[in-house]
PDB file of N, CA and C in Angstrom:
ATOM      1  N   UNK A   1       0.831  -1.159   0.000  1.00  0.00           N
ATOM      2  CA  UNK A   1       0.000   0.000   0.000  1.00  0.00           C
ATOM      3  C   UNK A   1       0.886   1.236   0.000  1.00  0.00           C
ATOM      4  N   UNK A   2       0.487   2.197  -0.817  1.00  0.00           N
ATOM      5  CA  UNK A   2       1.188   3.476  -0.907  1.00  0.00           C
ATOM      6  C   UNK A   2       0.129   4.566  -0.908  1.00  0.00           C
ATOM      7  N   UNK A   3       0.412   5.664  -0.234  1.00  0.00           N
ATOM      8  CA  UNK A   3      -0.489   6.808  -0.272  1.00  0.00           C
ATOM      9  C   UNK A   3       0.168   7.868  -1.146  1.00  0.00           C
ATOM     10  N   UNK A   4      -0.577   8.330  -2.148  1.00  0.00           N
ATOM     11  CA  UNK A   4      -0.079   9.289  -3.124  1.00  0.00           C
ATOM     12  C   UNK A   4      -0.920  10.557  -3.054  1.00  0.00           C
ATOM     13  N   UNK A   5      -0.268  11.697  -2.969  1.00  0.00           N
ATOM     14  CA  UNK A   5      -0.963  12.984  -2.977  1.00  0.00           C
ATOM     15  C   UNK A   5      -1.128  13.393  -4.435  1.00  0.00           C
ATOM     16  N   UNK A   6      -2.379  13.604  -4.858  1.00  0.00           N
ATOM     17  CA  UNK A   6      -2.666  13.950  -6.257  1.00  0.00           C
ATOM     18  C   UNK A   6      -3.401  15.286  -6.312  1.00  0.00           C
ATOM     19  N   UNK A   7      -3.373  15.895  -7.475  1.00  0.00           N
ATOM     20  CA  UNK A   7      -4.057  17.159  -7.675  1.00  0.00           C
ATOM     21  C   UNK A   7      -3.298  18.337  -7.102  1.00  0.00           C
ATOM     22  N   UNK A   8      -1.976  18.196  -6.976  1.00  0.00           N
ATOM     23  CA  UNK A   8      -1.169  19.303  -6.447  1.00  0.00           C
ATOM     24  C   UNK A   8      -1.281  20.508  -7.369  1.00  0.00           C
ATOM     25  N   UNK A   9      -1.393  21.681  -6.773  1.00  0.00           N
ATOM     26  CA  UNK A   9      -1.507  22.892  -7.566  1.00  0.00           C
ATOM     27  C   UNK A   9      -2.933  23.196  -7.982  1.00  0.00           C
ATOM     28  N   UNK A  10      -3.860  22.318  -7.675  1.00  0.00           N
ATOM     29  CA  UNK A  10      -5.267  22.561  -7.978  1.00  0.00           C
ATOM     30  C   UNK A  10      -5.949  23.063  -6.708  1.00  0.00           C
ATOM     31  N   UNK A  11      -7.202  23.450  -6.838  1.00  0.00           N
ATOM     32  CA  UNK A  11      -7.944  23.942  -5.679  1.00  0.00           C
ATOM     33  C   UNK A  11      -8.091  22.878  -4.604  1.00  0.00           C
ATOM     34  N   UNK A  12      -8.275  21.644  -5.027  1.00  0.00           N
ATOM     35  CA  UNK A  12      -8.527  20.572  -4.068  1.00  0.00           C
ATOM     36  C   UNK A  12      -7.502  19.462  -4.259  1.00  0.00           C
ATOM     37  N   UNK A  13      -6.720  19.206  -3.227  1.00  0.00           N
ATOM     38  CA  UNK A  13      -5.693  18.169  -3.269  1.00  0.00           C
ATOM     39  C   UNK A  13      -6.240  16.934  -2.563  1.00  0.00           C
ATOM     40  N   UNK A  14      -5.993  15.758  -3.106  1.00  0.00           N
ATOM     41  CA  UNK A  14      -6.484  14.513  -2.522  1.00  0.00           C
ATOM     42  C   UNK A  14      -5.331  13.569  -2.230  1.00  0.00           C
ATOM     43  N   UNK A  15      -5.595  12.646  -1.345  1.00  0.00           N
ATOM     44  CA  UNK A  15      -4.653  11.566  -1.086  1.00  0.00           C
ATOM     45  C   UNK A  15      -5.337  10.271  -1.491  1.00  0.00           C
ATOM     46  N   UNK A  16      -4.660   9.511  -2.348  1.00  0.00           N
ATOM     47  CA  UNK A  16      -5.190   8.261  -2.873  1.00  0.00           C
ATOM     48  C   UNK A  16      -4.368   7.116  -2.309  1.00  0.00           C
ATOM     49  N   UNK A  17      -5.038   6.116  -1.794  1.00  0.00           N
ATOM     50  CA  UNK A  17      -4.372   4.923  -1.289  1.00  0.00           C
ATOM     51  C   UNK A  17      -4.378   3.886  -2.416  1.00  0.00           C
ATOM     52  N   UNK A  18      -3.197   3.433  -2.801  1.00  0.00           N
ATOM     53  CA  UNK A  18      -3.044   2.480  -3.898  1.00  0.00           C
ATOM     54  C   UNK A  18      -2.697   1.127  -3.291  1.00  0.00           C
ATOM     55  N   UNK A  19      -3.524   0.132  -3.580  1.00  0.00           N
ATOM     56  CA  UNK A  19      -3.345  -1.196  -3.004  1.00  0.00           C
ATOM     57  C   UNK A  19      -3.182  -2.201  -4.135  1.00  0.00           C
ATOM     58  N   UNK A  20      -2.134  -3.014  -4.058  1.00  0.00           N
ATOM     59  CA  UNK A  20      -1.945  -4.094  -5.008  1.00  0.00           C
ATOM     60  C   UNK A  20      -2.067  -5.413  -4.259  1.00  0.00           C
ATOM     61  N   UNK A  21      -2.909  -6.292  -4.752  1.00  0.00           N
ATOM     62  CA  UNK A  21      -3.142  -7.560  -4.064  1.00  0.00           C
ATOM     63  C   UNK A  21      -1.944  -8.492  -4.136  1.00  0.00           C
ATOM     64  N   UNK A  22      -1.143  -8.367  -5.179  1.00  0.00           N
ATOM     65  CA  UNK A  22      -0.006  -9.266  -5.359  1.00  0.00           C
ATOM     66  C   UNK A  22       1.180  -8.876  -4.497  1.00  0.00           C
ATOM     67  N   UNK A  23       1.199  -7.637  -4.016  1.00  0.00           N
ATOM     68  CA  UNK A  23       2.322  -7.179  -3.215  1.00  0.00           C
ATOM     69  C   UNK A  23       3.521  -6.787  -4.053  1.00  0.00           C
ATOM     70  N   UNK A  24       3.424  -6.942  -5.363  1.00  0.00           N
ATOM     71  CA  UNK A  24       4.513  -6.615  -6.282  1.00  0.00           C
ATOM     72  C   UNK A  24       4.017  -5.480  -7.178  1.00  0.00           C
ATOM     73  N   UNK A  25       4.864  -4.488  -7.361  1.00  0.00           N
ATOM     74  CA  UNK A  25       4.491  -3.361  -8.212  1.00  0.00           C
ATOM     75  C   UNK A  25       4.919  -3.656  -9.642  1.00  0.00           C
ATOM     76  N   UNK A  26       3.988  -4.160 -10.422  1.00  0.00           N
ATOM     77  CA  UNK A  26       4.242  -4.476 -11.811  1.00  0.00           C
ATOM     78  C   UNK A  26       2.928  -4.425 -12.554  1.00  0.00           C
ATOM     79  N   UNK A  27       2.790  -5.244 -13.570  1.00  0.00           N
ATOM     80  CA  UNK A  27       1.523  -5.330 -14.277  1.00  0.00           C
ATOM     81  C   UNK A  27       0.504  -6.003 -13.366  1.00  0.00           C
ATOM     82  N   UNK A  28      -0.736  -5.542 -13.455  1.00  0.00           N
ATOM     83  CA  UNK A  28      -1.783  -6.139 -12.648  1.00  0.00           C
ATOM     84  C   UNK A  28      -2.861  -5.136 -12.299  1.00  0.00           C
ATOM     85  N   UNK A  29      -3.664  -5.495 -11.315  1.00  0.00           N
ATOM     86  CA  UNK A  29      -4.802  -4.675 -10.904  1.00  0.00           C
ATOM     87  C   UNK A  29      -4.452  -3.942  -9.614  1.00  0.00           C
ATOM     88  N   UNK A  30      -4.707  -2.655  -9.617  1.00  0.00           N
ATOM     89  CA  UNK A  30      -4.489  -1.807  -8.452  1.00  0.00           C
ATOM     90  C   UNK A  30      -5.830  -1.234  -8.026  1.00  0.00           C
ATOM     91  N   UNK A  31      -6.173  -1.396  -6.761  1.00  0.00           N
ATOM     92  CA  UNK A  31      -7.407  -0.816  -6.231  1.00  0.00           C
ATOM     93  C   UNK A  31      -7.079   0.549  -5.632  1.00  0.00           C
ATOM     94  N   UNK A  32      -7.976   1.502  -5.884  1.00  0.00           N
ATOM     95  CA  UNK A  32      -7.770   2.872  -5.441  1.00  0.00           C
ATOM     96  C   UNK A  32      -8.830   3.249  -4.405  1.00  0.00           C
ATOM     97  N   UNK A  33      -8.378   3.838  -3.317  1.00  0.00           N
ATOM     98  CA  UNK A  33      -9.269   4.252  -2.233  1.00  0.00           C
ATOM     99  C   UNK A  33      -8.928   5.670  -1.812  1.00  0.00           C
ATOM    100  N   UNK A  34      -9.919   6.393  -1.303  1.00  0.00           N
ATOM    101  CA  UNK A  34      -9.655   7.673  -0.669  1.00  0.00           C
ATOM    102  C   UNK A  34      -8.843   7.369   0.583  1.00  0.00           C
ATOM    103  N   UNK A  35      -7.692   7.982   0.727  1.00  0.00           N
ATOM    104  CA  UNK A  35      -6.778   7.652   1.830  1.00  0.00           C
ATOM    105  C   UNK A  35      -7.325   8.160   3.152  1.00  0.00           C
ATOM    106  N   UNK A  36      -7.479   7.230   4.083  1.00  0.00           N
ATOM    107  CA  UNK A  36      -7.845   7.568   5.455  1.00  0.00           C
ATOM    108  C   UNK A  36      -6.991   6.755   6.416  1.00  0.00           C
ATOM    109  N   UNK A  37      -6.048   5.992   5.872  1.00  0.00           N
ATOM    110  CA  UNK A  37      -5.230   5.066   6.655  1.00  0.00           C
ATOM    111  C   UNK A  37      -4.540   5.771   7.813  1.00  0.00           C
ATOM    112  N   UNK A  38      -3.884   6.895   7.538  1.00  0.00           N
ATOM    113  CA  UNK A  38      -3.135   7.588   8.585  1.00  0.00           C
ATOM    114  C   UNK A  38      -4.053   8.196   9.640  1.00  0.00           C
ATOM    115  N   UNK A  39      -5.285   8.513   9.269  1.00  0.00           N
ATOM    116  CA  UNK A  39      -6.230   9.079  10.225  1.00  0.00           C
ATOM    117  C   UNK A  39      -6.789   8.020  11.169  1.00  0.00           C
ATOM    118  N   UNK A  40      -6.632   6.758  10.851  1.00  0.00           N
ATOM    119  CA  UNK A  40      -7.198   5.682  11.657  1.00  0.00           C
ATOM    120  C   UNK A  40      -6.258   5.217  12.762  1.00  0.00           C
ATOM    121  N   UNK A  41      -5.066   5.773  12.830  1.00  0.00           N
ATOM    122  CA  UNK A  41      -4.086   5.332  13.816  1.00  0.00           C
ATOM    123  C   UNK A  41      -4.373   6.008  15.158  1.00  0.00           C
ATOM    124  N   UNK A  42      -4.463   5.204  16.189  1.00  0.00           N
ATOM    125  CA  UNK A  42      -4.581   5.749  17.539  1.00  0.00           C
ATOM    126  C   UNK A  42      -3.951   4.770  18.507  1.00  0.00           C
ATOM    127  N   UNK A  43      -3.610   5.237  19.674  1.00  0.00           N
ATOM    128  CA  UNK A  43      -2.927   4.372  20.632  1.00  0.00           C
ATOM    129  C   UNK A  43      -3.830   3.239  21.103  1.00  0.00           C
ATOM    130  N   UNK A  44      -5.132   3.456  21.143  1.00  0.00           N
ATOM    131  CA  UNK A  44      -6.043   2.405  21.597  1.00  0.00           C
ATOM    132  C   UNK A  44      -6.360   1.408  20.488  1.00  0.00           C
ATOM    133  N   UNK A  45      -6.527   1.902  19.284  1.00  0.00           N
ATOM    134  CA  UNK A  45      -6.967   1.044  18.190  1.00  0.00           C
ATOM    135  C   UNK A  45      -5.828   0.320  17.495  1.00  0.00           C
ATOM    136  N   UNK A  46      -4.619   0.849  17.549  1.00  0.00           N
ATOM    137  CA  UNK A  46      -3.518   0.266  16.793  1.00  0.00           C
ATOM    138  C   UNK A  46      -3.623   0.646  15.333  1.00  0.00           C
ATOM    139  N   UNK A  47      -2.867  -0.010  14.506  1.00  0.00           N
ATOM    140  CA  UNK A  47      -2.862   0.306  13.073  1.00  0.00           C
ATOM    141  C   UNK A  47      -4.077  -0.288  12.383  1.00  0.00           C
ATOM    142  N   UNK A  48      -4.630   0.467  11.479  1.00  0.00           N
ATOM    143  CA  UNK A  48      -5.736  -0.024  10.668  1.00  0.00           C
ATOM    144  C   UNK A  48      -5.189  -0.925   9.568  1.00  0.00           C
ATOM    145  N   UNK A  49      -6.044  -1.780   9.044  1.00  0.00           N
ATOM    146  CA  UNK A  49      -5.625  -2.652   7.949  1.00  0.00           C
ATOM    147  C   UNK A  49      -5.837  -1.943   6.619  1.00  0.00           C
ATOM    148  N   UNK A  50      -5.190  -2.451   5.587  1.00  0.00           N
ATOM    149  CA  UNK A  50      -5.377  -1.894   4.251  1.00  0.00           C
ATOM    150  C   UNK A  50      -6.815  -2.116   3.816  1.00  0.00           C
ATOM    151  N   UNK A  51      -7.376  -1.176   3.081  1.00  0.00           N
ATOM    152  CA  UNK A  51      -8.707  -1.408   2.535  1.00  0.00           C
ATOM    153  C   UNK A  51      -8.629  -2.430   1.412  1.00  0.00           C
ATOM    154  N   UNK A  52      -9.698  -3.183   1.218  1.00  0.00           N
ATOM    155  CA  UNK A  52      -9.717  -4.146   0.127  1.00  0.00           C
ATOM    156  C   UNK A  52     -11.124  -4.346  -0.434  1.00  0.00           C
ATOM    157  N   UNK A  53     -12.123  -3.837   0.231  1.00  0.00           N
ATOM    158  CA  UNK A  53     -13.516  -4.086  -0.117  1.00  0.00           C
ATOM    159  C   UNK A  53     -13.995  -3.107  -1.188  1.00  0.00           C
ATOM    160  N   UNK A  54     -14.451  -3.643  -2.312  1.00  0.00           N
ATOM    161  CA  UNK A  54     -14.971  -2.799  -3.389  1.00  0.00           C
ATOM    162  C   UNK A  54     -16.262  -2.094  -2.991  1.00  0.00           C
ATOM    163  N   UNK A  55     -16.945  -2.586  -1.960  1.00  0.00           N
ATOM    164  CA  UNK A  55     -18.180  -1.962  -1.496  1.00  0.00           C
ATOM    165  C   UNK A  55     -17.919  -0.852  -0.477  1.00  0.00           C
ATOM    166  N   UNK A  56     -16.660  -0.648  -0.112  1.00  0.00           N
ATOM    167  CA  UNK A  56     -16.278   0.418   0.814  1.00  0.00           C
ATOM    168  C   UNK A  56     -16.636   1.759   0.171  1.00  0.00           C
ATOM    169  N   UNK A  57     -17.255   2.684   0.918  1.00  0.00           N
ATOM    170  CA  UNK A  57     -17.601   3.985   0.325  1.00  0.00           C
ATOM    171  C   UNK A  57     -16.381   4.796  -0.126  1.00  0.00           C
ATOM    172  N   UNK A  58     -15.192   4.444   0.360  1.00  0.00           N
ATOM    173  CA  UNK A  58     -13.967   5.126  -0.049  1.00  0.00           C
ATOM    174  C   UNK A  58     -13.319   4.503  -1.286  1.00  0.00           C
ATOM    175  N   UNK A  59     -13.925   3.437  -1.835  1.00  0.00           N
ATOM    176  CA  UNK A  59     -13.400   2.785  -3.038  1.00  0.00           C
ATOM    177  C   UNK A  59     -13.609   3.704  -4.231  1.00  0.00           C
ATOM    178  N   UNK A  60     -12.529   3.973  -4.968  1.00  0.00           N
ATOM    179  CA  UNK A  60     -12.578   4.897  -6.102  1.00  0.00           C
ATOM    180  C   UNK A  60     -12.489   4.207  -7.455  1.00  0.00           C
ATOM    181  N   UNK A  61     -12.215   2.910  -7.465  1.00  0.00           N
ATOM    182  CA  UNK A  61     -12.121   2.171  -8.716  1.00  0.00           C
ATOM    183  C   UNK A  61     -10.844   1.357  -8.790  1.00  0.00           C
ATOM    184  N   UNK A  62     -10.625   0.765  -9.953  1.00  0.00           N
ATOM    185  CA  UNK A  62      -9.438  -0.061 -10.183  1.00  0.00           C
ATOM    186  C   UNK A  62      -8.691   0.440 -11.408  1.00  0.00           C
ATOM    187  N   UNK A  63      -7.371   0.285 -11.364  1.00  0.00           N
ATOM    188  CA  UNK A  63      -6.549   0.538 -12.547  1.00  0.00           C
ATOM    189  C   UNK A  63      -5.910  -0.780 -12.952  1.00  0.00           C
ATOM    190  N   UNK A  64      -6.093  -1.134 -14.207  1.00  0.00           N
ATOM    191  CA  UNK A  64      -5.449  -2.317 -14.771  1.00  0.00           C
ATOM    192  C   UNK A  64      -4.208  -1.813 -15.499  1.00  0.00           C
ATOM    193  N   UNK A  65      -3.047  -2.238 -15.010  1.00  0.00           N
ATOM    194  CA  UNK A  65      -1.764  -1.718 -15.482  1.00  0.00           C
ATOM    195  C   UNK A  65      -1.010  -2.782 -16.277  1.00  0.00           C
ATOM    196  N   UNK A  66      -0.498  -2.385 -17.431  1.00  0.00           N
ATOM    197  CA  UNK A  66       0.418  -3.229 -18.204  1.00  0.00           C
ATOM    198  C   UNK A  66       1.717  -2.447 -18.325  1.00  0.00           C
ATOM    199  N   UNK A  67       2.684  -2.766 -17.459  1.00  0.00           N
ATOM    200  CA  UNK A  67       3.940  -1.998 -17.434  1.00  0.00           C
ATOM    201  C   UNK A  67       4.758  -2.179 -18.697  1.00  0.00           C
ATOM    202  N   UNK A  68       4.720  -3.369 -19.297  1.00  0.00           N
ATOM    203  CA  UNK A  68       5.514  -3.606 -20.508  1.00  0.00           C
ATOM    204  C   UNK A  68       5.051  -2.710 -21.654  1.00  0.00           C
ATOM    205  N   UNK A  69       3.754  -2.530 -21.794  1.00  0.00           N
ATOM    206  CA  UNK A  69       3.199  -1.693 -22.873  1.00  0.00           C
ATOM    207  C   UNK A  69       2.986  -0.251 -22.416  1.00  0.00           C
ATOM    208  N   UNK A  70       3.238   0.031 -21.120  1.00  0.00           N
ATOM    209  CA  UNK A  70       2.939   1.332 -20.522  1.00  0.00           C
ATOM    210  C   UNK A  70       1.518   1.756 -20.881  1.00  0.00           C
ATOM    211  N   UNK A  71       0.596   0.856 -20.586  1.00  0.00           N
ATOM    212  CA  UNK A  71      -0.815   1.068 -20.888  1.00  0.00           C
ATOM    213  C   UNK A  71      -1.617   0.847 -19.610  1.00  0.00           C
ATOM    214  N   UNK A  72      -2.728   1.551 -19.478  1.00  0.00           N
ATOM    215  CA  UNK A  72      -3.581   1.371 -18.321  1.00  0.00           C
ATOM    216  C   UNK A  72      -5.035   1.614 -18.685  1.00  0.00           C
ATOM    217  N   UNK A  73      -5.927   1.001 -17.909  1.00  0.00           N
ATOM    218  CA  UNK A  73      -7.370   1.168 -18.067  1.00  0.00           C
ATOM    219  C   UNK A  73      -7.948   1.396 -16.682  1.00  0.00           C
ATOM    220  N   UNK A  74      -8.795   2.401 -16.563  1.00  0.00           N
ATOM    221  CA  UNK A  74      -9.462   2.703 -15.290  1.00  0.00           C
ATOM    222  C   UNK A  74     -10.870   2.154 -15.322  1.00  0.00           C
ATOM    223  N   UNK A  75     -11.241   1.438 -14.285  1.00  0.00           N
ATOM    224  CA  UNK A  75     -12.605   0.935 -14.145  1.00  0.00           C
ATOM    225  C   UNK A  75     -13.208   1.624 -12.936  1.00  0.00           C
ATOM    226  N   UNK A  76     -13.987   2.632 -13.199  1.00  0.00           N
ATOM    227  CA  UNK A  76     -14.621   3.431 -12.169  1.00  0.00           C
ATOM    228  C   UNK A  76     -15.092   4.733 -12.779  1.00  0.00           C
ATOM    229  N   UNK A  77     -15.649   5.616 -11.940  1.00  0.00           N
ATOM    230  CA  UNK A  77     -16.155   6.877 -12.469  1.00  0.00           C
ATOM    231  C   UNK A  77     -15.959   8.046 -11.496  1.00  0.00           C
ATOM    232  N   UNK A  78     -15.080   7.885 -10.517  1.00  0.00           N
ATOM    233  CA  UNK A  78     -14.929   8.917  -9.486  1.00  0.00           C
ATOM    234  C   UNK A  78     -13.688   9.790  -9.651  1.00  0.00           C
ATOM    235  N   UNK A  79     -12.787   9.441 -10.560  1.00  0.00           N
ATOM    236  CA  UNK A  79     -11.545  10.197 -10.720  1.00  0.00           C
ATOM    237  C   UNK A  79     -11.453  10.779 -12.125  1.00  0.00           C
ATOM    238  N   UNK A  80     -10.887  11.992 -12.217  1.00  0.00           N
ATOM    239  CA  UNK A  80     -10.772  12.616 -13.539  1.00  0.00           C
ATOM    240  C   UNK A  80      -9.477  12.189 -14.233  1.00  0.00           C
ATOM    241  N   UNK A  81      -9.379  12.529 -15.510  1.00  0.00           N
ATOM    242  CA  UNK A  81      -8.263  12.067 -16.348  1.00  0.00           C
ATOM    243  C   UNK A  81      -6.898  12.537 -15.848  1.00  0.00           C
ATOM    244  N   UNK A  82      -6.797  13.771 -15.356  1.00  0.00           N
ATOM    245  CA  UNK A  82      -5.483  14.260 -14.907  1.00  0.00           C
ATOM    246  C   UNK A  82      -5.021  13.526 -13.644  1.00  0.00           C
ATOM    247  N   UNK A  83      -5.927  13.228 -12.734  1.00  0.00           N
ATOM    248  CA  UNK A  83      -5.574  12.472 -11.526  1.00  0.00           C
ATOM    249  C   UNK A  83      -5.183  11.045 -11.901  1.00  0.00           C
ATOM    250  N   UNK A  84      -5.918  10.444 -12.822  1.00  0.00           N
ATOM    251  CA  UNK A  84      -5.601   9.084 -13.263  1.00  0.00           C
ATOM    252  C   UNK A  84      -4.224   9.024 -13.912  1.00  0.00           C
ATOM    253  N   UNK A  85      -3.881  10.042 -14.695  1.00  0.00           N
ATOM    254  CA  UNK A  85      -2.553  10.070 -15.311  1.00  0.00           C
ATOM    255  C   UNK A  85      -1.468  10.179 -14.242  1.00  0.00           C
ATOM    256  N   UNK A  86      -1.683  10.992 -13.205  1.00  0.00           N
ATOM    257  CA  UNK A  86      -0.713  11.094 -12.103  1.00  0.00           C
ATOM    258  C   UNK A  86      -0.511   9.734 -11.437  1.00  0.00           C
ATOM    259  N   UNK A  87      -1.610   9.027 -11.190  1.00  0.00           N
ATOM    260  CA  UNK A  87      -1.526   7.716 -10.536  1.00  0.00           C
ATOM    261  C   UNK A  87      -0.806   6.722 -11.433  1.00  0.00           C
ATOM    262  N   UNK A  88      -1.171   6.667 -12.712  1.00  0.00           N
ATOM    263  CA  UNK A  88      -0.537   5.734 -13.643  1.00  0.00           C
ATOM    264  C   UNK A  88       0.956   6.028 -13.772  1.00  0.00           C
ATOM    265  N   UNK A  89       1.323   7.290 -13.912  1.00  0.00           N
ATOM    266  CA  UNK A  89       2.747   7.648 -14.011  1.00  0.00           C
ATOM    267  C   UNK A  89       3.504   7.225 -12.757  1.00  0.00           C
ATOM    268  N   UNK A  90       2.887   7.420 -11.599  1.00  0.00           N
ATOM    269  CA  UNK A  90       3.527   7.009 -10.348  1.00  0.00           C
ATOM    270  C   UNK A  90       3.762   5.497 -10.329  1.00  0.00           C
ATOM    271  N   UNK A  91       2.753   4.729 -10.715  1.00  0.00           N
ATOM    272  CA  UNK A  91       2.885   3.261 -10.712  1.00  0.00           C
ATOM    273  C   UNK A  91       3.953   2.816 -11.707  1.00  0.00           C
ATOM    274  N   UNK A  92       3.968   3.401 -12.895  1.00  0.00           N
ATOM    275  CA  UNK A  92       4.975   3.025 -13.900  1.00  0.00           C
ATOM    276  C   UNK A  92       6.395   3.325 -13.410  1.00  0.00           C
ATOM    277  N   UNK A  93       6.566   4.421 -12.689  1.00  0.00           N
ATOM    278  CA  UNK A  93       7.903   4.844 -12.235  1.00  0.00           C
ATOM    279  C   UNK A  93       8.294   4.280 -10.873  1.00  0.00           C
ATOM    280  N   UNK A  94       7.368   3.653 -10.168  1.00  0.00           N
ATOM    281  CA  UNK A  94       7.617   3.229  -8.786  1.00  0.00           C
ATOM    282  C   UNK A  94       8.689   2.144  -8.701  1.00  0.00           C
ATOM    283  N   UNK A  95       9.598   2.322  -7.779  1.00  0.00           N
ATOM    284  CA  UNK A  95      10.612   1.312  -7.460  1.00  0.00           C
ATOM    285  C   UNK A  95      10.509   1.054  -5.964  1.00  0.00           C
ATOM    286  N   UNK A  96      10.236  -0.176  -5.595  1.00  0.00           N
ATOM    287  CA  UNK A  96      10.081  -0.519  -4.190  1.00  0.00           C
ATOM    288  C   UNK A  96      11.391  -0.326  -3.446  1.00  0.00           C
ATOM    289  N   UNK A  97      11.304   0.031  -2.157  1.00  0.00           N
ATOM    290  CA  UNK A  97      12.541   0.155  -1.363  1.00  0.00           C
ATOM    291  C   UNK A  97      13.285  -1.174  -1.292  1.00  0.00           C
ATOM    292  N   UNK A  98      14.590  -1.110  -1.056  1.00  0.00           N
ATOM    293  CA  UNK A  98      15.404  -2.324  -0.967  1.00  0.00           C
ATOM    294  C   UNK A  98      15.044  -3.173   0.238  1.00  0.00           C
ATOM    295  N   UNK A  99      14.673  -2.552   1.322  1.00  0.00           N
ATOM    296  CA  UNK A  99      14.395  -3.278   2.569  1.00  0.00           C
ATOM    297  C   UNK A  99      12.917  -3.663   2.654  1.00  0.00           C
ATOM    298  N   UNK A 100      12.660  -4.709   3.395  1.00  0.00           N
ATOM    299  CA  UNK A 100      11.281  -5.121   3.668  1.00  0.00           C
ATOM    300  C   UNK A 100      10.960  -4.671   5.077  1.00  0.00           C
ATOM    301  N   UNK A 101       9.821  -4.049   5.235  1.00  0.00           N
ATOM    302  CA  UNK A 101       9.449  -3.531   6.558  1.00  0.00           C
ATOM    303  C   UNK A 101       8.469  -4.441   7.224  1.00  0.00           C
TER     304      UNK A 101
END
């Protein structure tokens, strides 16, 4: 899971939580959620889990990514083209850290 700030320089900036079920950043399906992960942390509750439910009201859709062809398809209707391009560019350029946390 990665949280990406999108819409920088616009009137309204959003944080998108990008979740990949495979755990590997490559070709595949990425689920997009409105980021609330950091807001859910408290000393009593502990860390929240990654979102995964498509019925979650914070679910924004899925991106199907083909890194070899640098092609993507969005399945959803809540994000505009410029935000989707920011997300796709981030996924294409993403390099996971060397260490496992």
